[in-house]
PDB file of all heavy atoms in Angstrom:
ATOM      1  N   GLN A   1     100.489  68.069  61.986  1.00  0.00           N
ATOM      2  CA  GLN A   1     100.904  69.214  62.810  1.00  0.00           C
ATOM      3  C   GLN A   1     100.981  68.831  64.288  1.00  0.00           C
ATOM      4  O   GLN A   1     101.907  69.237  64.988  1.00  0.00           O
ATOM      5  CB  GLN A   1      99.960  70.396  62.612  1.00  0.00           C
ATOM      6  CG  GLN A   1     100.496  71.676  63.208  1.00  0.00           C
ATOM      7  CD  GLN A   1     101.870  72.051  62.646  1.00  0.00           C
ATOM      8  OE1 GLN A   1     102.064  72.146  61.449  1.00  0.00           O
ATOM      9  NE2 GLN A   1     102.833  72.251  63.535  1.00  0.00           N
ATOM     10  N   SER A   2     100.035  68.042  64.755  1.00  0.00           N
ATOM     11  CA  SER A   2     100.060  67.593  66.152  1.00  0.00           C
ATOM     12  C   SER A   2     101.299  66.760  66.432  1.00  0.00           C
ATOM     13  O   SER A   2     101.942  66.918  67.484  1.00  0.00           O
ATOM     14  CB  SER A   2      98.800  66.770  66.465  1.00  0.00           C
ATOM     15  OG  SER A   2      97.655  67.581  66.423  1.00  0.00           O
ATOM     16  N   LEU A   3     101.650  65.872  65.511  1.00  0.00           N
ATOM     17  CA  LEU A   3     102.853  65.049  65.694  1.00  0.00           C
ATOM     18  C   LEU A   3     104.103  65.917  65.747  1.00  0.00           C
ATOM     19  O   LEU A   3     104.968  65.716  66.606  1.00  0.00           O
ATOM     20  CB  LEU A   3     102.966  64.023  64.558  1.00  0.00           C
ATOM     21  CG  LEU A   3     101.959  62.876  64.586  1.00  0.00           C
ATOM     22  CD1 LEU A   3     102.009  62.094  63.282  1.00  0.00           C
ATOM     23  CD2 LEU A   3     102.205  61.954  65.769  1.00  0.00           C
ATOM     24  N   LYS A   4     104.181  66.883  64.862  1.00  0.00           N
ATOM     25  CA  LYS A   4     105.350  67.774  64.844  1.00  0.00           C
ATOM     26  C   LYS A   4     105.424  68.620  66.117  1.00  0.00           C
ATOM     27  O   LYS A   4     106.518  68.824  66.668  1.00  0.00           O
ATOM     28  CB  LYS A   4     105.321  68.663  63.608  1.00  0.00           C
ATOM     29  CG  LYS A   4     105.603  67.903  62.322  1.00  0.00           C
ATOM     30  CD  LYS A   4     105.527  68.814  61.108  1.00  0.00           C
ATOM     31  CE  LYS A   4     105.881  68.076  59.831  1.00  0.00           C
ATOM     32  NZ  LYS A   4     105.825  68.957  58.643  1.00  0.00           N
ATOM     33  N   ASN A   5     104.275  69.090  66.589  1.00  0.00           N
ATOM     34  CA  ASN A   5     104.258  69.873  67.828  1.00  0.00           C
ATOM     35  C   ASN A   5     104.689  69.028  69.015  1.00  0.00           C
ATOM     36  O   ASN A   5     105.444  69.494  69.878  1.00  0.00           O
ATOM     37  CB  ASN A   5     102.866  70.448  68.087  1.00  0.00           C
ATOM     38  CG  ASN A   5     102.493  71.551  67.121  1.00  0.00           C
ATOM     39  OD1 ASN A   5     103.330  72.106  66.425  1.00  0.00           O
ATOM     40  ND2 ASN A   5     101.200  71.853  67.051  1.00  0.00           N
ATOM     41  N   ARG A   6     104.196  67.802  69.081  1.00  0.00           N
ATOM     42  CA  ARG A   6     104.563  66.904  70.188  1.00  0.00           C
ATOM     43  C   ARG A   6     106.046  66.597  70.133  1.00  0.00           C
ATOM     44  O   ARG A   6     106.722  66.548  71.158  1.00  0.00           O
ATOM     45  CB  ARG A   6     103.730  65.626  70.107  1.00  0.00           C
ATOM     46  CG  ARG A   6     103.837  64.763  71.323  1.00  0.00           C
ATOM     47  CD  ARG A   6     103.294  65.504  72.529  1.00  0.00           C
ATOM     48  NE  ARG A   6     103.154  64.585  73.633  1.00  0.00           N
ATOM     49  CZ  ARG A   6     102.776  64.936  74.819  1.00  0.00           C
ATOM     50  NH1 ARG A   6     102.467  66.193  75.062  1.00  0.00           N
ATOM     51  NH2 ARG A   6     102.686  64.066  75.785  1.00  0.00           N
ATOM     52  N   GLN A   7     106.564  66.399  68.945  1.00  0.00           N
ATOM     53  CA  GLN A   7     107.982  66.115  68.769  1.00  0.00           C
ATOM     54  C   GLN A   7     108.827  67.301  69.227  1.00  0.00           C
ATOM     55  O   GLN A   7     109.826  67.124  69.933  1.00  0.00           O
ATOM     56  CB  GLN A   7     108.262  65.793  67.301  1.00  0.00           C
ATOM     57  CG  GLN A   7     109.686  65.389  67.007  1.00  0.00           C
ATOM     58  CD  GLN A   7     109.854  64.979  65.563  1.00  0.00           C
ATOM     59  OE1 GLN A   7     109.279  65.580  64.653  1.00  0.00           O
ATOM     60  NE2 GLN A   7     110.637  63.935  65.344  1.00  0.00           N
ATOM     61  N   SER A   8     108.417  68.488  68.864  1.00  0.00           N
ATOM     62  CA  SER A   8     109.141  69.691  69.264  1.00  0.00           C
ATOM     63  C   SER A   8     109.147  69.836  70.784  1.00  0.00           C
ATOM     64  O   SER A   8     110.185  70.123  71.384  1.00  0.00           O
ATOM     65  CB  SER A   8     108.496  70.907  68.601  1.00  0.00           C
ATOM     66  OG  SER A   8     109.128  72.081  69.016  1.00  0.00           O
ATOM     67  N   TRP A   9     107.978  69.634  71.407  1.00  0.00           N
ATOM     68  CA  TRP A   9     107.887  69.702  72.861  1.00  0.00           C
ATOM     69  C   TRP A   9     108.817  68.688  73.509  1.00  0.00           C
ATOM     70  O   TRP A   9     109.578  69.012  74.428  1.00  0.00           O
ATOM     71  CB  TRP A   9     106.445  69.456  73.314  1.00  0.00           C
ATOM     72  CG  TRP A   9     106.324  69.310  74.799  1.00  0.00           C
ATOM     73  CD1 TRP A   9     106.193  70.309  75.711  1.00  0.00           C
ATOM     74  CD2 TRP A   9     106.367  68.096  75.553  1.00  0.00           C
ATOM     75  NE1 TRP A   9     106.134  69.793  76.975  1.00  0.00           N
ATOM     76  CE2 TRP A   9     106.255  68.437  76.916  1.00  0.00           C
ATOM     77  CE3 TRP A   9     106.500  66.747  75.211  1.00  0.00           C
ATOM     78  CZ2 TRP A   9     106.258  67.476  77.928  1.00  0.00           C
ATOM     79  CZ3 TRP A   9     106.518  65.796  76.225  1.00  0.00           C
ATOM     80  CH2 TRP A   9     106.391  66.167  77.562  1.00  0.00           C
ATOM     81  N   MET A  10     108.762  67.455  73.021  1.00  0.00           N
ATOM     82  CA  MET A  10     109.574  66.384  73.594  1.00  0.00           C
ATOM     83  C   MET A  10     111.059  66.701  73.473  1.00  0.00           C
ATOM     84  O   MET A  10     111.816  66.499  74.418  1.00  0.00           O
ATOM     85  CB  MET A  10     109.268  65.063  72.882  1.00  0.00           C
ATOM     86  CG  MET A  10     110.132  63.905  73.336  1.00  0.00           C
ATOM     87  SD  MET A  10     110.059  62.491  72.223  1.00  0.00           S
ATOM     88  CE  MET A  10     110.831  63.124  70.749  1.00  0.00           C
ATOM     89  N   ASN A  11     111.469  67.220  72.325  1.00  0.00           N
ATOM     90  CA  ASN A  11     112.890  67.496  72.107  1.00  0.00           C
ATOM     91  C   ASN A  11     113.392  68.691  72.895  1.00  0.00           C
ATOM     92  O   ASN A  11     114.574  68.779  73.198  1.00  0.00           O
ATOM     93  CB  ASN A  11     113.165  67.690  70.614  1.00  0.00           C
ATOM     94  CG  ASN A  11     113.122  66.382  69.856  1.00  0.00           C
ATOM     95  OD1 ASN A  11     113.512  65.343  70.359  1.00  0.00           O
ATOM     96  ND2 ASN A  11     112.627  66.428  68.631  1.00  0.00           N
ATOM     97  N   SER A  12     112.491  69.597  73.254  1.00  0.00           N
ATOM     98  CA  SER A  12     112.948  70.790  73.963  1.00  0.00           C
ATOM     99  C   SER A  12     112.834  70.682  75.476  1.00  0.00           C
ATOM    100  O   SER A  12     113.691  71.169  76.188  1.00  0.00           O
ATOM    101  CB  SER A  12     112.188  72.030  73.478  1.00  0.00           C
ATOM    102  OG  SER A  12     110.810  71.895  73.749  1.00  0.00           O
ATOM    103  N   ASN A  13     111.779  70.048  75.983  1.00  0.00           N
ATOM    104  CA  ASN A  13     111.642  70.028  77.441  1.00  0.00           C
ATOM    105  C   ASN A  13     110.835  68.848  77.963  1.00  0.00           C
ATOM    106  O   ASN A  13     110.230  68.938  79.013  1.00  0.00           O
ATOM    107  CB  ASN A  13     111.006  71.331  77.929  1.00  0.00           C
ATOM    108  CG  ASN A  13     109.638  71.566  77.319  1.00  0.00           C
ATOM    109  OD1 ASN A  13     109.076  70.705  76.660  1.00  0.00           O
ATOM    110  ND2 ASN A  13     109.095  72.746  77.547  1.00  0.00           N
ATOM    111  N   GLY A  14     110.828  67.772  77.265  1.00  0.00           N
ATOM    112  CA  GLY A  14     109.987  66.653  77.660  1.00  0.00           C
ATOM    113  C   GLY A  14     110.503  65.814  78.806  1.00  0.00           C
ATOM    114  O   GLY A  14     109.737  65.155  79.484  1.00  0.00           O
ATOM    115  N   GLY A  15     111.796  65.774  79.026  1.00  0.00           N
ATOM    116  CA  GLY A  15     112.340  64.943  80.088  1.00  0.00           C
ATOM    117  C   GLY A  15     112.703  63.539  79.650  1.00  0.00           C
ATOM    118  O   GLY A  15     113.005  62.671  80.475  1.00  0.00           O
ATOM    119  N   CYS A  16     112.674  63.273  78.347  1.00  0.00           N
ATOM    120  CA  CYS A  16     113.067  61.961  77.830  1.00  0.00           C
ATOM    121  C   CYS A  16     114.589  61.887  77.741  1.00  0.00           C
ATOM    122  O   CYS A  16     115.259  62.901  77.542  1.00  0.00           O
ATOM    123  CB  CYS A  16     112.480  61.742  76.433  1.00  0.00           C
ATOM    124  SG  CYS A  16     110.694  61.529  76.371  1.00  0.00           S
ATOM    125  N   THR A  17     115.116  60.679  77.860  1.00  0.00           N
ATOM    126  CA  THR A  17     116.554  60.475  77.683  1.00  0.00           C
ATOM    127  C   THR A  17     116.892  60.588  76.202  1.00  0.00           C
ATOM    128  O   THR A  17     116.009  60.548  75.343  1.00  0.00           O
ATOM    129  CB  THR A  17     116.985  59.083  78.184  1.00  0.00           C
ATOM    130  OG1 THR A  17     116.401  58.085  77.329  1.00  0.00           O
ATOM    131  CG2 THR A  17     116.573  58.844  79.628  1.00  0.00           C
ATOM    132  N   ALA A  18     118.169  60.723  75.892  1.00  0.00           N
ATOM    133  CA  ALA A  18     118.607  60.826  74.492  1.00  0.00           C
ATOM    134  C   ALA A  18     118.189  59.586  73.705  1.00  0.00           C
ATOM    135  O   ALA A  18     117.713  59.693  72.571  1.00  0.00           O
ATOM    136  CB  ALA A  18     120.116  61.027  74.433  1.00  0.00           C
ATOM    137  N   GLU A  19     118.332  58.424  74.295  1.00  0.00           N
ATOM    138  CA  GLU A  19     117.946  57.181  73.610  1.00  0.00           C
ATOM    139  C   GLU A  19     116.433  57.133  73.368  1.00  0.00           C
ATOM    140  O   GLU A  19     115.976  56.730  72.298  1.00  0.00           O
ATOM    141  CB  GLU A  19     118.389  55.972  74.437  1.00  0.00           C
ATOM    142  CG  GLU A  19     118.105  54.643  73.760  1.00  0.00           C
ATOM    143  CD  GLU A  19     118.595  53.448  74.563  1.00  0.00           C
ATOM    144  OE1 GLU A  19     119.540  53.601  75.376  1.00  0.00           O
ATOM    145  OE2 GLU A  19     118.022  52.368  74.383  1.00  0.00           O
ATOM    146  N   GLU A  20     115.667  57.568  74.368  1.00  0.00           N
ATOM    147  CA  GLU A  20     114.215  57.598  74.216  1.00  0.00           C
ATOM    148  C   GLU A  20     113.804  58.584  73.124  1.00  0.00           C
ATOM    149  O   GLU A  20     112.921  58.301  72.311  1.00  0.00           O
ATOM    150  CB  GLU A  20     113.550  57.960  75.541  1.00  0.00           C
ATOM    151  CG  GLU A  20     113.647  56.877  76.589  1.00  0.00           C
ATOM    152  CD  GLU A  20     113.156  57.320  77.956  1.00  0.00           C
ATOM    153  OE1 GLU A  20     113.131  58.537  78.243  1.00  0.00           O
ATOM    154  OE2 GLU A  20     112.799  56.434  78.750  1.00  0.00           O
ATOM    155  N   LYS A  21     114.467  59.744  73.105  1.00  0.00           N
ATOM    156  CA  LYS A  21     114.173  60.729  72.060  1.00  0.00           C
ATOM    157  C   LYS A  21     114.451  60.154  70.678  1.00  0.00           C
ATOM    158  O   LYS A  21     113.668  60.361  69.752  1.00  0.00           O
ATOM    159  CB  LYS A  21     114.981  62.011  72.275  1.00  0.00           C
ATOM    160  CG  LYS A  21     114.486  62.873  73.404  1.00  0.00           C
ATOM    161  CD  LYS A  21     115.346  64.120  73.538  1.00  0.00           C
ATOM    162  CE  LYS A  21     114.902  64.951  74.725  1.00  0.00           C
ATOM    163  NZ  LYS A  21     115.726  66.156  74.902  1.00  0.00           N
ATOM    164  N   ASN A  22     115.564  59.439  70.545  1.00  0.00           N
ATOM    165  CA  ASN A  22     115.895  58.819  69.260  1.00  0.00           C
ATOM    166  C   ASN A  22     114.803  57.841  68.833  1.00  0.00           C
ATOM    167  O   ASN A  22     114.371  57.845  67.671  1.00  0.00           O
ATOM    168  CB  ASN A  22     117.245  58.100  69.324  1.00  0.00           C
ATOM    169  CG  ASN A  22     118.414  59.058  69.351  1.00  0.00           C
ATOM    170  OD1 ASN A  22     118.296  60.214  68.957  1.00  0.00           O
ATOM    171  ND2 ASN A  22     119.547  58.582  69.829  1.00  0.00           N
ATOM    172  N   THR A  23     114.351  57.021  69.769  1.00  0.00           N
ATOM    173  CA  THR A  23     113.303  56.042  69.471  1.00  0.00           C
ATOM    174  C   THR A  23     112.008  56.734  69.066  1.00  0.00           C
ATOM    175  O   THR A  23     111.388  56.382  68.055  1.00  0.00           O
ATOM    176  CB  THR A  23     113.053  55.147  70.710  1.00  0.00           C
ATOM    177  OG1 THR A  23     114.266  54.441  71.021  1.00  0.00           O
ATOM    178  CG2 THR A  23     111.931  54.148  70.469  1.00  0.00           C
ATOM    179  N   LEU A  24     111.594  57.726  69.854  1.00  0.00           N
ATOM    180  CA  LEU A  24     110.338  58.421  69.577  1.00  0.00           C
ATOM    181  C   LEU A  24     110.435  59.289  68.323  1.00  0.00           C
ATOM    182  O   LEU A  24     109.481  59.348  67.533  1.00  0.00           O
ATOM    183  CB  LEU A  24     109.924  59.258  70.790  1.00  0.00           C
ATOM    184  CG  LEU A  24     109.536  58.439  72.027  1.00  0.00           C
ATOM    185  CD1 LEU A  24     109.441  59.335  73.254  1.00  0.00           C
ATOM    186  CD2 LEU A  24     108.233  57.677  71.796  1.00  0.00           C
ATOM    187  N   ASN A  25     111.565  59.951  68.123  1.00  0.00           N
ATOM    188  CA  ASN A  25     111.751  60.755  66.910  1.00  0.00           C
ATOM    189  C   ASN A  25     111.665  59.884  65.670  1.00  0.00           C
ATOM    190  O   ASN A  25     111.061  60.277  64.671  1.00  0.00           O
ATOM    191  CB  ASN A  25     113.082  61.511  66.942  1.00  0.00           C
ATOM    192  CG  ASN A  25     113.001  62.797  67.714  1.00  0.00           C
ATOM    193  OD1 ASN A  25     112.019  63.526  67.639  1.00  0.00           O
ATOM    194  ND2 ASN A  25     114.047  63.091  68.478  1.00  0.00           N
ATOM    195  N   SER A  26     112.257  58.710  65.745  1.00  0.00           N
ATOM    196  CA  SER A  26     112.194  57.780  64.621  1.00  0.00           C
ATOM    197  C   SER A  26     110.750  57.386  64.328  1.00  0.00           C
ATOM    198  O   SER A  26     110.315  57.383  63.171  1.00  0.00           O
ATOM    199  CB  SER A  26     113.037  56.539  64.932  1.00  0.00           C
ATOM    200  OG  SER A  26     112.918  55.606  63.895  1.00  0.00           O
ATOM    201  N   ARG A  27     110.006  57.065  65.368  1.00  0.00           N
ATOM    202  CA  ARG A  27     108.595  56.690  65.200  1.00  0.00           C
ATOM    203  C   ARG A  27     107.780  57.854  64.621  1.00  0.00           C
ATOM    204  O   ARG A  27     106.986  57.673  63.693  1.00  0.00           O
ATOM    205  CB  ARG A  27     108.022  56.252  66.546  1.00  0.00           C
ATOM    206  CG  ARG A  27     106.558  55.899  66.480  1.00  0.00           C
ATOM    207  CD  ARG A  27     106.014  55.424  67.805  1.00  0.00           C
ATOM    208  NE  ARG A  27     104.564  55.304  67.729  1.00  0.00           N
ATOM    209  CZ  ARG A  27     103.803  54.948  68.743  1.00  0.00           C
ATOM    210  NH1 ARG A  27     104.345  54.651  69.913  1.00  0.00           N
ATOM    211  NH2 ARG A  27     102.497  54.877  68.601  1.00  0.00           N
ATOM    212  N   ILE A  28     107.974  59.048  65.175  1.00  0.00           N
ATOM    213  CA  ILE A  28     107.217  60.212  64.711  1.00  0.00           C
ATOM    214  C   ILE A  28     107.601  60.553  63.271  1.00  0.00           C
ATOM    215  O   ILE A  28     106.728  60.794  62.428  1.00  0.00           O
ATOM    216  CB  ILE A  28     107.434  61.418  65.649  1.00  0.00           C
ATOM    217  CG1 ILE A  28     106.783  61.145  67.016  1.00  0.00           C
ATOM    218  CG2 ILE A  28     106.888  62.698  65.029  1.00  0.00           C
ATOM    219  CD1 ILE A  28     107.156  62.147  68.100  1.00  0.00           C
ATOM    220  N   ASN A  29     108.896  60.579  62.974  1.00  0.00           N
ATOM    221  CA  ASN A  29     109.344  60.916  61.625  1.00  0.00           C
ATOM    222  C   ASN A  29     108.794  59.936  60.592  1.00  0.00           C
ATOM    223  O   ASN A  29     108.379  60.347  59.507  1.00  0.00           O
ATOM    224  CB  ASN A  29     110.870  60.960  61.546  1.00  0.00           C
ATOM    225  CG  ASN A  29     111.452  62.150  62.280  1.00  0.00           C
ATOM    226  OD1 ASN A  29     110.786  63.156  62.499  1.00  0.00           O
ATOM    227  ND2 ASN A  29     112.703  62.027  62.689  1.00  0.00           N
ATOM    228  N   LYS A  30     108.786  58.658  60.940  1.00  0.00           N
ATOM    229  CA  LYS A  30     108.251  57.638  60.028  1.00  0.00           C
ATOM    230  C   LYS A  30     106.767  57.882  59.778  1.00  0.00           C
ATOM    231  O   LYS A  30     106.301  57.831  58.639  1.00  0.00           O
ATOM    232  CB  LYS A  30     108.479  56.247  60.613  1.00  0.00           C
ATOM    233  CG  LYS A  30     107.959  55.131  59.729  1.00  0.00           C
ATOM    234  CD  LYS A  30     108.220  53.756  60.331  1.00  0.00           C
ATOM    235  CE  LYS A  30     107.685  52.705  59.372  1.00  0.00           C
ATOM    236  NZ  LYS A  30     107.207  51.538  60.030  1.00  0.00           N
ATOM    237  N   ARG A  31     106.020  58.163  60.836  1.00  0.00           N
ATOM    238  CA  ARG A  31     104.576  58.375  60.680  1.00  0.00           C
ATOM    239  C   ARG A  31     104.290  59.653  59.898  1.00  0.00           C
ATOM    240  O   ARG A  31     103.405  59.664  59.034  1.00  0.00           O
ATOM    241  CB  ARG A  31     103.898  58.426  62.064  1.00  0.00           C
ATOM    242  CG  ARG A  31     102.388  58.448  61.972  1.00  0.00           C
ATOM    243  CD  ARG A  31     101.864  57.168  61.329  1.00  0.00           C
ATOM    244  NE  ARG A  31     100.436  57.228  61.165  1.00  0.00           N
ATOM    245  CZ  ARG A  31      99.806  56.983  60.008  1.00  0.00           C
ATOM    246  NH1 ARG A  31     100.484  56.654  58.941  1.00  0.00           N
ATOM    247  NH2 ARG A  31      98.496  57.054  59.944  1.00  0.00           N
ATOM    248  N   VAL A  32     105.026  60.724  60.176  1.00  0.00           N
ATOM    249  CA  VAL A  32     104.838  61.976  59.432  1.00  0.00           C
ATOM    250  C   VAL A  32     105.132  61.743  57.951  1.00  0.00           C
ATOM    251  O   VAL A  32     104.386  62.210  57.075  1.00  0.00           O
ATOM    252  CB  VAL A  32     105.707  63.112  60.016  1.00  0.00           C
ATOM    253  CG1 VAL A  32     105.773  64.309  59.072  1.00  0.00           C
ATOM    254  CG2 VAL A  32     105.170  63.542  61.375  1.00  0.00           C
ATOM    255  N   GLN A  33     106.187  61.003  57.652  1.00  0.00           N
ATOM    256  CA  GLN A  33     106.524  60.713  56.259  1.00  0.00           C
ATOM    257  C   GLN A  33     105.389  59.939  55.576  1.00  0.00           C
ATOM    258  O   GLN A  33     105.006  60.257  54.444  1.00  0.00           O
ATOM    259  CB  GLN A  33     107.820  59.924  56.166  1.00  0.00           C
ATOM    260  CG  GLN A  33     108.228  59.610  54.736  1.00  0.00           C
ATOM    261  CD  GLN A  33     109.519  58.831  54.631  1.00  0.00           C
ATOM    262  OE1 GLN A  33     110.193  58.562  55.617  1.00  0.00           O
ATOM    263  NE2 GLN A  33     109.877  58.447  53.418  1.00  0.00           N
ATOM    264  N   GLU A  34     104.835  58.945  56.267  1.00  0.00           N
ATOM    265  CA  GLU A  34     103.711  58.188  55.711  1.00  0.00           C
ATOM    266  C   GLU A  34     102.516  59.094  55.440  1.00  0.00           C
ATOM    267  O   GLU A  34     101.879  59.009  54.381  1.00  0.00           O
ATOM    268  CB  GLU A  34     103.287  57.066  56.668  1.00  0.00           C
ATOM    269  CG  GLU A  34     104.302  55.970  56.833  1.00  0.00           C
ATOM    270  CD  GLU A  34     103.986  55.035  58.007  1.00  0.00           C
ATOM    271  OE1 GLU A  34     103.078  55.336  58.819  1.00  0.00           O
ATOM    272  OE2 GLU A  34     104.664  54.008  58.115  1.00  0.00           O
ATOM    273  N   LEU A  35     102.213  59.952  56.389  1.00  0.00           N
ATOM    274  CA  LEU A  35     101.066  60.856  56.242  1.00  0.00           C
ATOM    275  C   LEU A  35     101.292  61.878  55.124  1.00  0.00           C
ATOM    276  O   LEU A  35     100.368  62.203  54.380  1.00  0.00           O
ATOM    277  CB  LEU A  35     100.780  61.564  57.568  1.00  0.00           C
ATOM    278  CG  LEU A  35     100.274  60.665  58.690  1.00  0.00           C
ATOM    279  CD1 LEU A  35     100.365  61.380  60.035  1.00  0.00           C
ATOM    280  CD2 LEU A  35      98.859  60.192  58.418  1.00  0.00           C
ATOM    281  N   GLU A  36     102.521  62.385  55.008  1.00  0.00           N
ATOM    282  CA  GLU A  36     102.828  63.332  53.934  1.00  0.00           C
ATOM    283  C   GLU A  36     102.738  62.656  52.572  1.00  0.00           C
ATOM    284  O   GLU A  36     102.297  63.265  51.595  1.00  0.00           O
ATOM    285  CB  GLU A  36     104.194  63.983  54.167  1.00  0.00           C
ATOM    286  CG  GLU A  36     104.145  64.978  55.315  1.00  0.00           C
ATOM    287  CD  GLU A  36     105.481  65.586  55.681  1.00  0.00           C
ATOM    288  OE1 GLU A  36     106.548  65.015  55.312  1.00  0.00           O
ATOM    289  OE2 GLU A  36     105.477  66.641  56.354  1.00  0.00           O
ATOM    290  N   GLU A  37     103.111  61.386  52.495  1.00  0.00           N
ATOM    291  CA  GLU A  37     102.956  60.633  51.253  1.00  0.00           C
ATOM    292  C   GLU A  37     101.470  60.447  50.939  1.00  0.00           C
ATOM    293  O   GLU A  37     101.062  60.539  49.774  1.00  0.00           O
ATOM    294  CB  GLU A  37     103.668  59.282  51.351  1.00  0.00           C
ATOM    295  CG  GLU A  37     105.180  59.411  51.315  1.00  0.00           C
ATOM    296  CD  GLU A  37     105.916  58.119  51.643  1.00  0.00           C
ATOM    297  OE1 GLU A  37     105.258  57.071  51.846  1.00  0.00           O
ATOM    298  OE2 GLU A  37     107.161  58.149  51.696  1.00  0.00           O
ATOM    299  N   ASP A  38     100.667  60.194  51.968  1.00  0.00           N
ATOM    300  CA  ASP A  38      99.212  60.099  51.776  1.00  0.00           C
ATOM    301  C   ASP A  38      98.653  61.424  51.262  1.00  0.00           C
ATOM    302  O   ASP A  38      97.768  61.445  50.400  1.00  0.00           O
ATOM    303  CB  ASP A  38      98.499  59.735  53.085  1.00  0.00           C
ATOM    304  CG  ASP A  38      98.737  58.297  53.521  1.00  0.00           C
ATOM    305  OD1 ASP A  38      99.250  57.497  52.711  1.00  0.00           O
ATOM    306  OD2 ASP A  38      98.405  57.983  54.676  1.00  0.00           O
ATOM    307  N   MET A  39      99.159  62.533  51.793  1.00  0.00           N
ATOM    308  CA  MET A  39      98.706  63.852  51.341  1.00  0.00           C
ATOM    309  C   MET A  39      99.000  64.012  49.855  1.00  0.00           C
ATOM    310  O   MET A  39      98.143  64.437  49.088  1.00  0.00           O
ATOM    311  CB  MET A  39      99.395  64.973  52.125  1.00  0.00           C
ATOM    312  CG  MET A  39      98.932  65.130  53.561  1.00  0.00           C
ATOM    313  SD  MET A  39      97.216  65.641  53.735  1.00  0.00           S
ATOM    314  CE  MET A  39      97.258  67.265  52.995  1.00  0.00           C
ATOM    315  N   GLU A  40     100.218  63.658  49.455  1.00  0.00           N
ATOM    316  CA  GLU A  40     100.634  63.811  48.058  1.00  0.00           C
ATOM    317  C   GLU A  40      99.823  62.913  47.133  1.00  0.00           C
ATOM    318  O   GLU A  40      99.341  63.358  46.100  1.00  0.00           O
ATOM    319  CB  GLU A  40     102.110  63.409  47.926  1.00  0.00           C
ATOM    320  CG  GLU A  40     103.149  64.430  47.632  1.00  0.00           C
ATOM    321  CD  GLU A  40     102.735  65.755  47.091  1.00  0.00           C
ATOM    322  OE1 GLU A  40     102.606  65.879  45.860  1.00  0.00           O
ATOM    323  OE2 GLU A  40     102.578  66.699  47.861  1.00  0.00           O
ATOM    324  N   SER A  41      99.676  61.651  47.503  1.00  0.00           N
ATOM    325  CA  SER A  41      99.061  60.679  46.593  1.00  0.00           C
ATOM    326  C   SER A  41      97.537  60.714  46.608  1.00  0.00           C
ATOM    327  O   SER A  41      96.909  60.338  45.624  1.00  0.00           O
ATOM    328  CB  SER A  41      99.538  59.265  46.940  1.00  0.00           C
ATOM    329  OG  SER A  41      99.052  58.882  48.215  1.00  0.00           O
ATOM    330  N   THR A  42      96.942  61.167  47.703  1.00  0.00           N
ATOM    331  CA  THR A  42      95.483  61.054  47.825  1.00  0.00           C
ATOM    332  C   THR A  42      94.810  62.364  48.203  1.00  0.00           C
ATOM    333  O   THR A  42      94.017  62.900  47.438  1.00  0.00           O
ATOM    334  CB  THR A  42      95.121  59.980  48.879  1.00  0.00           C
ATOM    335  OG1 THR A  42      95.771  58.752  48.528  1.00  0.00           O
ATOM    336  CG2 THR A  42      93.618  59.766  48.951  1.00  0.00           C
TER     337      THR A  42
END
């Protein structure tokens, strides 16, 4: 939830460039996916 909230903040008013948002969104999405898989499997 913290990762998703931070991502939402960054995408709406964080001041990051489009390229930076793409980089950070990719990192956050990958980590959220890993954590959601951990939730499912464990």
